[in-house]
Structure formats: C-alpha cells, structure tokens
C-alpha cells in the first residue's frame, strides 16, 4: 500500500493559483485543487472547507505578498515625501504577471457574492488608507492613492496592458500630484 502524497500548505495554495490561472474563478473547486495538487479531495477539505475558503486563502496569501513587497519598498522609499504612498507606487512600476492578474480577477469576480471575501478586501483597503493618513499631507496622499488604484485596476482586470514606457511616466505624475498638492487645502465657503 502506497503512502499518501504529503504536500505543504504552500503547495496547495500554488495549486489554487494554478487552477485560477488555467480555468478562472468559476472553475475553482475543491476537486479541481485536489486534482491539480495530485492529492486526495479529503486532504483539501481538511484545510479548506469550501470554495469560499479557497478564495479566502488566496486573498490572505496575496495580502501577505503585498505586505512583504510594501515593507521592502518602504526601505527604498524612506527618504521620499510620503514613504507609504511612494512605496506602493514603486511596487506598481513592475508589470503584473499572469498569476497576479488571474488572482485579481478571481478575487474581484467572487467578492460581490461572498461577504467574507468583501470584508477581507475592505481590511486591505483600510490598511492602505491608514497608511496614507500616517504621513504628511494625508488628503493629498489619499487622492494620489485613489488615482493609483484607478490606474492599477485597469491592469489588474486585464483591460489595459501598458508598457513600461506608458506605466512609469503615469506613476511619476501621481508622485508629482502628491508633491504639488498644497499643505493645507483651503476650504471654500459658499457665496451668499
């Protein structure tokens, strides 16, 4: 009798990503992950009880990757006017690979029907917004961050495939938008 194949959690997460890349979120299932990983369905069910749990694990993994990238970029951007914002812009200088794009699509397409996925993504955005508020000119940082997110979403969703010659100058314009924003934006009063 042969021993069951031993796989790590990381190998199961890799299999989840491969299924999403090959077939999209609609075909993600415990069976598909088990087949992709070459393990029994019961092994996948032991750790991930449902398709939602598979997607939650995918979000958590991507969040961990994103956090590590930000922490690394923060070191490079420590002397910039707003390290948290500039670190995120630095990360965006690199084009997405097929796995990152597929994971983004899987998460986004599933978020509307799964509240737990939506809540995980809200925590991700809340973390970023708190980071924007932590530096100088928080209003400017938030505006630049939202410009960056709007710009990035087109690439995440595969709507636009920008070359470095297109991506890098746009990210530089977002940096300039932040730098050029007044220290305290004057409030306007309505005319009588």
Protein backbone atom coordinates (compact mmCIF):
# COMPACT_ATOMS: atom_id res chain seq x y z
CA UNK A 1 0.00 0.00 0.00
CA UNK A 2 1.45 3.35 -1.00
CA UNK A 3 1.65 6.26 1.37
CA UNK A 4 -0.47 9.33 0.65
CA UNK A 5 1.41 12.16 -1.03
CA UNK A 6 2.48 14.77 1.51
CA UNK A 7 2.00 18.36 0.44
CA UNK A 8 2.54 21.61 2.25
CA UNK A 9 0.01 24.39 2.64
CA UNK A 10 2.15 26.39 0.22
CA UNK A 11 1.82 23.65 -2.41
CA UNK A 12 -1.95 23.64 -2.00
CA UNK A 13 -2.01 27.43 -2.39
CA UNK A 14 0.14 27.06 -5.51
CA UNK A 15 -2.42 24.57 -6.84
CA UNK A 16 -5.27 27.02 -6.10
CA UNK A 17 -3.41 29.69 -8.08
CA UNK A 18 -2.74 27.31 -10.98
CA UNK A 19 -6.44 26.38 -11.19
CA UNK A 20 -7.39 30.06 -11.23
CA UNK A 21 -4.79 30.85 -13.90
CA UNK A 22 -5.83 27.92 -16.10
CA UNK A 23 -9.60 28.00 -15.62
CA UNK A 24 -10.66 31.16 -13.78
CA UNK A 25 -12.57 31.55 -10.53
CA UNK A 26 -15.73 29.98 -11.92
CA UNK A 27 -13.97 26.60 -12.23
CA UNK A 28 -12.22 26.80 -8.88
CA UNK A 29 -13.35 23.92 -6.69
CA UNK A 30 -12.01 21.57 -4.05
CA UNK A 31 -11.96 18.79 -6.67
CA UNK A 32 -10.01 20.93 -9.14
CA UNK A 33 -7.44 21.90 -6.49
CA UNK A 34 -7.02 18.29 -5.34
CA UNK A 35 -6.51 17.14 -8.92
CA UNK A 36 -4.06 19.97 -9.65
CA UNK A 37 -2.07 19.22 -6.48
CA UNK A 38 -2.19 15.46 -7.06
CA UNK A 39 -3.72 14.77 -3.65
CA UNK A 40 -6.99 13.46 -2.28
CA UNK A 41 -10.05 15.65 -2.05
CA UNK A 42 -10.24 14.92 1.68
CA UNK A 43 -6.79 16.48 2.17
CA UNK A 44 -8.01 19.75 0.58
CA UNK A 45 -11.30 19.64 2.51
CA UNK A 46 -9.35 19.18 5.75
CA UNK A 47 -7.80 22.66 5.33
CA UNK A 48 -10.34 24.40 3.07
CA UNK A 49 -13.96 23.52 3.67
CA UNK A 50 -15.44 25.36 0.66
CA UNK A 51 -14.74 27.35 -2.48
CA UNK A 52 -15.04 30.49 -0.37
CA UNK A 53 -12.32 29.16 1.94
CA UNK A 54 -10.10 28.57 -1.10
CA UNK A 55 -10.63 32.17 -2.21
CA UNK A 56 -10.07 33.48 1.32
CA UNK A 57 -6.74 31.64 1.39
CA UNK A 58 -5.88 33.19 -1.98
CA UNK A 59 -6.65 36.68 -0.65
CA UNK A 60 -4.66 36.06 2.52
CA UNK A 61 -1.68 34.85 0.51
CA UNK A 62 -1.83 37.85 -1.80
CA UNK A 63 -2.17 40.18 1.21
CA UNK A 64 0.97 38.62 2.74
CA UNK A 65 2.86 39.04 -0.52
CA UNK A 66 1.68 42.62 -0.82
CA UNK A 67 2.69 43.36 2.77
CA UNK A 68 6.18 41.94 2.18
CA UNK A 69 6.57 43.99 -1.02
CA UNK A 70 5.45 47.15 0.76
CA UNK A 71 7.84 46.56 3.67
CA UNK A 72 10.71 46.09 1.23
CA UNK A 73 9.75 49.15 -0.82
CA UNK A 74 9.40 51.25 2.35
CA UNK A 75 13.12 50.82 2.92
CA UNK A 76 13.82 52.15 -0.59
CA UNK A 77 11.32 54.97 -0.19
CA UNK A 78 12.22 56.02 3.36
CA UNK A 79 13.55 59.42 2.22
CA UNK A 80 10.59 60.28 -0.02
CA UNK A 81 7.92 62.85 0.89
CA UNK A 82 5.42 60.10 1.79
CA UNK A 83 7.10 56.67 2.10
CA UNK A 84 3.83 54.68 2.31
CA UNK A 85 2.43 56.19 -0.89
CA UNK A 86 5.72 56.16 -2.75
CA UNK A 87 6.37 52.53 -1.75
CA UNK A 88 3.10 51.46 -3.33
CA UNK A 89 3.89 53.45 -6.47
CA UNK A 90 7.35 51.84 -6.58
CA UNK A 91 5.78 48.37 -6.47
CA UNK A 92 3.44 49.31 -9.34
CA UNK A 93 6.40 50.05 -11.60
CA UNK A 94 6.62 46.32 -12.29
CA UNK A 95 4.02 44.87 -14.64
CA UNK A 96 1.72 42.17 -13.27
CA UNK A 97 2.40 38.59 -14.21
CA UNK A 98 -0.33 36.19 -15.38
CA UNK A 99 -0.80 34.70 -11.92
CA UNK A 100 -1.26 38.10 -10.24
CA UNK A 101 -3.77 39.14 -12.89
CA UNK A 102 -5.71 35.86 -12.59
CA UNK A 103 -5.78 36.09 -8.79
CA UNK A 104 -7.03 39.69 -9.01
CA UNK A 105 -9.80 38.64 -11.36
CA UNK A 106 -10.78 35.65 -9.21
CA UNK A 107 -10.97 37.74 -6.07
CA UNK A 108 -12.91 40.54 -7.73
CA UNK A 109 -15.39 38.30 -9.51
CA UNK A 110 -16.16 36.41 -6.30
CA UNK A 111 -16.29 39.39 -3.97
CA UNK A 112 -19.76 40.52 -4.98
CA UNK A 113 -21.37 37.25 -3.90
CA UNK A 114 -19.25 36.44 -0.86
CA UNK A 115 -19.38 38.83 2.09
CA UNK A 116 -16.36 37.25 3.80
CA UNK A 117 -14.24 38.00 0.71
CA UNK A 118 -15.53 41.55 0.58
CA UNK A 119 -14.66 42.03 4.25
CA UNK A 120 -11.11 40.75 3.68
CA UNK A 121 -10.65 43.21 0.82
CA UNK A 122 -12.06 46.05 2.92
CA UNK A 123 -9.42 45.32 5.56
CA UNK A 124 -6.78 45.52 2.84
CA UNK A 125 -8.05 48.93 1.68
CA UNK A 126 -8.42 50.17 5.27
CA UNK A 127 -4.77 49.27 5.91
CA UNK A 128 -3.71 51.29 2.87
CA UNK A 129 -5.88 54.28 3.79
CA UNK A 130 -4.46 54.32 7.32
CA UNK A 131 -1.01 54.29 5.77
CA UNK A 132 -1.97 57.27 3.61
CA UNK A 133 -3.15 59.13 6.71
CA UNK A 134 0.08 58.37 8.57
CA UNK A 135 2.31 60.71 6.58
CA UNK A 136 2.43 64.31 5.56
CA UNK A 137 -0.48 65.77 3.60
CA UNK A 138 -2.92 62.90 4.19
CA UNK A 139 -5.59 64.43 1.92
CA UNK A 140 -3.10 64.60 -0.93
CA UNK A 141 -1.90 61.07 -0.18
CA UNK A 142 -5.45 59.72 -0.34
CA UNK A 143 -6.13 61.49 -3.62
CA UNK A 144 -2.89 60.15 -5.10
CA UNK A 145 -3.66 56.69 -3.73
CA UNK A 146 -7.09 56.65 -5.37
CA UNK A 147 -5.56 57.82 -8.66
CA UNK A 148 -3.07 54.98 -8.34
CA UNK A 149 -5.80 52.42 -7.59
CA UNK A 150 -7.87 53.58 -10.55
CA UNK A 151 -4.82 53.35 -12.78
CA UNK A 152 -3.88 49.91 -11.43
CA UNK A 153 -7.36 48.38 -11.67
CA UNK A 154 -7.23 48.56 -15.46
CA UNK A 155 -4.13 46.37 -15.42
CA UNK A 156 -5.40 44.04 -12.66
CA UNK A 157 -8.53 43.34 -14.67
CA UNK A 158 -6.67 42.89 -17.94
CA UNK A 159 -8.42 45.86 -19.53
CA UNK A 160 -5.15 47.61 -20.38
CA UNK A 161 -1.71 46.15 -20.93
CA UNK A 162 0.71 49.04 -20.50
CA UNK A 163 4.35 49.01 -21.45
CA UNK A 164 6.92 50.40 -19.02
CA UNK A 165 7.13 53.46 -21.28
CA UNK A 166 3.45 54.12 -20.52
CA UNK A 167 3.31 52.96 -16.90
CA UNK A 168 6.36 54.71 -15.44
CA UNK A 169 5.55 58.28 -16.55
CA UNK A 170 1.99 57.96 -15.26
CA UNK A 171 3.21 56.80 -11.85
CA UNK A 172 5.63 59.74 -11.84
CA UNK A 173 2.68 62.07 -12.49
CA UNK A 174 0.91 60.64 -9.43
CA UNK A 175 4.03 61.37 -7.36
CA UNK A 176 4.08 64.93 -8.71
CA UNK A 177 0.38 65.32 -7.94
CA UNK A 178 1.11 64.48 -4.32
CA UNK A 179 4.16 66.73 -4.10
CA UNK A 180 2.39 69.67 -5.73
CA UNK A 181 -0.69 69.46 -3.56
CA UNK A 182 -0.90 72.35 -1.06
CA UNK A 183 0.00 71.62 2.56
CA UNK A 184 -3.46 72.50 3.78
CA UNK A 185 -6.12 72.62 1.16
CA UNK A 186 -8.27 75.72 1.77
CA UNK A 187 -11.91 75.13 2.47
CA UNK A 188 -14.30 77.05 0.31
CA UNK A 189 -17.28 78.89 1.62
CA UNK A 190 -20.40 79.27 -0.46
CA UNK A 191 -21.16 82.69 -1.90
CA UNK A 192 -24.15 84.41 -0.28
